[in-house]
Protein backbone atom coordinates (compact mmCIF):
# COMPACT_ATOMS: atom_id res chain seq x y z
CA MET A 1 -126.21 38.44 -34.02
CA THR A 2 -123.34 37.64 -31.67
CA HIS A 3 -121.28 34.54 -31.04
CA THR A 4 -118.92 33.08 -28.51
CA THR A 5 -116.93 29.89 -28.15
CA ILE A 6 -116.78 27.49 -25.23
CA GLU A 7 -114.49 24.58 -24.53
CA THR A 8 -116.20 21.26 -23.88
CA PRO A 9 -115.07 17.65 -23.56
CA ILE A 10 -116.04 17.15 -27.23
CA GLY A 11 -114.06 20.17 -28.41
CA THR A 12 -114.81 23.82 -29.02
CA LEU A 13 -118.46 24.74 -29.55
CA THR A 14 -119.41 28.03 -31.19
CA LEU A 15 -122.67 29.44 -29.86
CA VAL A 16 -124.58 31.96 -31.97
CA ALA A 17 -127.53 34.07 -30.81
CA GLY A 18 -129.83 36.78 -32.08
CA GLU A 19 -132.50 38.83 -30.37
CA ALA A 20 -134.99 35.94 -30.24
CA GLY A 21 -132.58 33.37 -28.82
CA LEU A 22 -129.90 30.86 -29.68
CA THR A 23 -129.61 30.23 -33.43
CA GLY A 24 -126.65 27.87 -33.51
CA ALA A 25 -124.36 25.56 -31.57
CA TYR A 26 -121.64 24.31 -33.88
CA MET A 27 -118.77 21.87 -33.30
CA GLU A 28 -115.34 22.09 -34.83
CA GLY A 29 -115.52 20.44 -38.23
CA HIS A 30 -119.34 20.75 -38.28
CA ARG A 31 -120.80 19.32 -41.50
CA PRO A 32 -122.36 20.86 -43.39
CA ALA A 33 -120.20 23.85 -42.54
CA PRO A 34 -122.24 26.75 -41.14
CA ASP A 35 -122.11 30.20 -42.74
CA GLU A 36 -119.81 32.03 -40.35
CA THR A 37 -120.56 35.37 -42.03
CA THR A 38 -123.98 35.32 -40.32
CA TRP A 39 -122.58 35.00 -36.78
CA GLY A 40 -122.09 38.71 -36.10
CA GLU A 41 -119.60 40.04 -33.62
CA ARG A 42 -117.66 37.82 -31.27
CA ASP A 43 -118.43 38.22 -27.57
CA ASP A 44 -115.79 36.58 -25.36
CA ALA A 45 -117.64 37.53 -22.15
CA PRO A 46 -121.41 37.35 -22.73
CA ALA A 47 -123.41 39.19 -20.07
CA ALA A 48 -125.24 37.08 -17.49
CA GLY A 49 -128.80 36.33 -18.49
CA THR A 50 -128.15 36.55 -22.24
CA PRO A 51 -128.85 33.53 -24.45
CA LEU A 52 -125.10 33.03 -25.00
CA ALA A 53 -124.28 33.07 -21.29
CA GLU A 54 -127.25 30.85 -20.43
CA ALA A 55 -126.36 28.34 -23.17
CA ALA A 56 -122.73 28.23 -22.00
CA ALA A 57 -123.81 27.62 -18.40
CA GLN A 58 -126.33 24.92 -19.30
CA LEU A 59 -123.88 23.15 -21.60
CA ALA A 60 -121.25 23.19 -18.83
CA ALA A 61 -123.80 21.59 -16.48
CA TYR A 62 -124.75 19.02 -19.15
CA PHE A 63 -121.13 17.99 -19.68
CA ALA A 64 -120.58 17.85 -15.91
CA GLY A 65 -123.47 15.38 -15.66
CA ASP A 66 -125.67 17.83 -13.74
CA ARG A 67 -128.22 18.58 -16.48
CA THR A 68 -130.23 16.28 -18.76
CA GLY A 69 -132.08 18.90 -20.81
CA PHE A 70 -131.96 22.52 -21.84
CA ASP A 71 -134.24 25.44 -21.09
CA LEU A 72 -133.16 28.13 -23.54
CA PRO A 73 -134.83 30.52 -25.96
CA LEU A 74 -134.18 28.93 -29.36
CA ASP A 75 -134.47 30.50 -32.80
CA PRO A 76 -133.04 27.91 -35.21
CA GLY A 77 -134.71 29.15 -38.40
CA GLY A 78 -135.35 26.39 -40.92
CA THR A 79 -138.38 25.30 -42.89
CA ASP A 80 -141.66 24.22 -41.33
CA PHE A 81 -140.71 20.59 -41.95
CA GLN A 82 -137.27 21.02 -40.37
CA ARG A 83 -138.78 22.70 -37.31
CA LYS A 84 -141.20 19.75 -36.91
CA VAL A 85 -138.29 17.32 -37.05
CA TRP A 86 -136.24 19.38 -34.58
CA ALA A 87 -139.20 19.59 -32.19
CA ALA A 88 -139.50 15.79 -32.32
CA LEU A 89 -135.77 15.48 -31.58
CA ALA A 90 -136.29 17.51 -28.42
CA GLU A 91 -138.80 14.86 -27.25
CA ILE A 92 -136.22 12.06 -27.22
CA PRO A 93 -135.39 11.38 -23.57
CA TYR A 94 -131.88 11.87 -22.26
CA GLY A 95 -129.85 8.68 -22.55
CA GLU A 96 -132.19 7.08 -25.08
CA THR A 97 -132.19 6.80 -28.86
CA ARG A 98 -134.86 6.76 -31.53
CA THR A 99 -134.79 5.98 -35.23
CA TYR A 100 -135.37 8.23 -38.22
CA GLY A 101 -138.55 6.20 -38.78
CA TRP A 102 -139.75 7.04 -35.27
CA ILE A 103 -139.26 10.74 -36.02
CA ALA A 104 -141.14 10.40 -39.33
CA GLU A 105 -144.04 8.69 -37.54
CA ARG A 106 -143.95 11.27 -34.75
CA ILE A 107 -144.39 14.17 -37.15
CA GLY A 108 -147.17 12.39 -39.03
CA GLN A 109 -145.17 11.66 -42.19
CA PRO A 110 -144.20 7.98 -41.95
CA THR A 111 -142.84 7.79 -45.50
CA ALA A 112 -140.54 10.80 -45.06
CA VAL A 113 -137.66 8.91 -43.43
CA ARG A 114 -135.01 10.25 -45.84
CA ALA A 115 -136.32 13.80 -45.52
CA VAL A 116 -136.18 13.40 -41.74
CA GLY A 117 -132.54 12.34 -42.06
CA LEU A 118 -131.75 15.41 -44.12
CA ALA A 119 -133.57 17.73 -41.69
CA ASN A 120 -131.74 16.04 -38.81
CA SER A 121 -128.41 16.72 -40.54
CA ARG A 122 -129.32 20.42 -40.85
CA ASN A 123 -130.02 20.87 -37.13
CA PRO A 124 -128.11 24.04 -36.20
CA LEU A 125 -128.31 23.42 -32.45
CA SER A 126 -126.08 20.41 -31.88
CA VAL A 127 -126.25 18.83 -28.42
CA ILE A 128 -129.03 21.24 -27.35
CA VAL A 129 -131.51 19.80 -29.87
CA PRO A 130 -130.33 16.20 -29.47
CA CYS A 131 -129.87 14.95 -33.03
CA HIS A 132 -127.15 12.69 -31.63
CA ARG A 133 -129.95 10.54 -30.17
CA VAL A 134 -131.14 9.41 -33.62
CA VAL A 135 -129.84 6.11 -34.97
CA GLY A 136 -130.49 3.95 -38.02
CA SER A 137 -133.31 1.41 -38.10
CA THR A 138 -130.91 -1.34 -36.96
CA GLY A 139 -129.63 0.74 -34.06
CA LYS A 140 -126.40 1.55 -35.91
CA LEU A 141 -124.86 4.96 -35.36
CA THR A 142 -125.19 6.92 -38.57
CA GLY A 143 -123.87 10.31 -39.67
CA TYR A 144 -123.54 13.22 -37.31
CA ALA A 145 -122.57 16.86 -37.99
CA GLY A 146 -119.65 16.56 -35.58
CA GLY A 147 -118.67 13.06 -36.66
CA VAL A 148 -119.84 9.62 -35.54
CA GLU A 149 -117.10 9.48 -32.87
CA ARG A 150 -118.59 12.54 -31.12
CA LYS A 151 -122.07 11.08 -31.47
CA SER A 152 -120.89 7.91 -29.76
CA LEU A 153 -119.20 9.93 -26.99
CA LEU A 154 -122.36 11.97 -26.34
CA LEU A 155 -124.50 8.84 -26.15
CA ASP A 156 -121.99 7.15 -23.84
CA HIS A 157 -121.94 10.30 -21.67
CA GLU A 158 -125.74 10.21 -21.41
CA ARG A 159 -125.56 6.56 -20.37
CA GLY A 160 -123.25 7.42 -17.49
CA ALA A 161 -119.77 7.33 -19.01
CA ARG A 162 -117.40 10.02 -17.85
CA LEU A 163 -116.39 12.60 -20.48
CA ASP A 164 -112.97 13.90 -19.58
CA SER A 165 -111.14 15.51 -22.44
CA VAL A 166 -112.09 13.51 -25.47
CA ALA A 167 -111.64 16.06 -28.23
């Protein structure tokens, strides 16, 4: 495992990768707090073509408004249920939102709305796996690992708002 940090308009992101791909993308103040002891060595200059370098480049393009999705090798871990939820998150189009109920329906477990919310909150790949695109049943912004303010900023960014230095 190795990790690096990048500066973004929503603050510092820590990217973590293993042999199979990116395992984490964590914001400052990420809740629940990730286990930093699993991140391995710090790499301040990841080699071109590595998951860390690719993630940094794609995130820079995303924040510049030049990218609407990510094409990265991902290895988030998690339970089977969590991976189903995270796969459904990846289906939410850029600039749009869906509800926890939509995710529950999408994975074939319509009564698992609370479990979907918990799995969503455990998403280790913030921004890349777009958990910020999930809202409450009334459309209200609900909890986010990086805080509701960041969630709002990301959604505004995807709807065309300029993200200068908001962190």
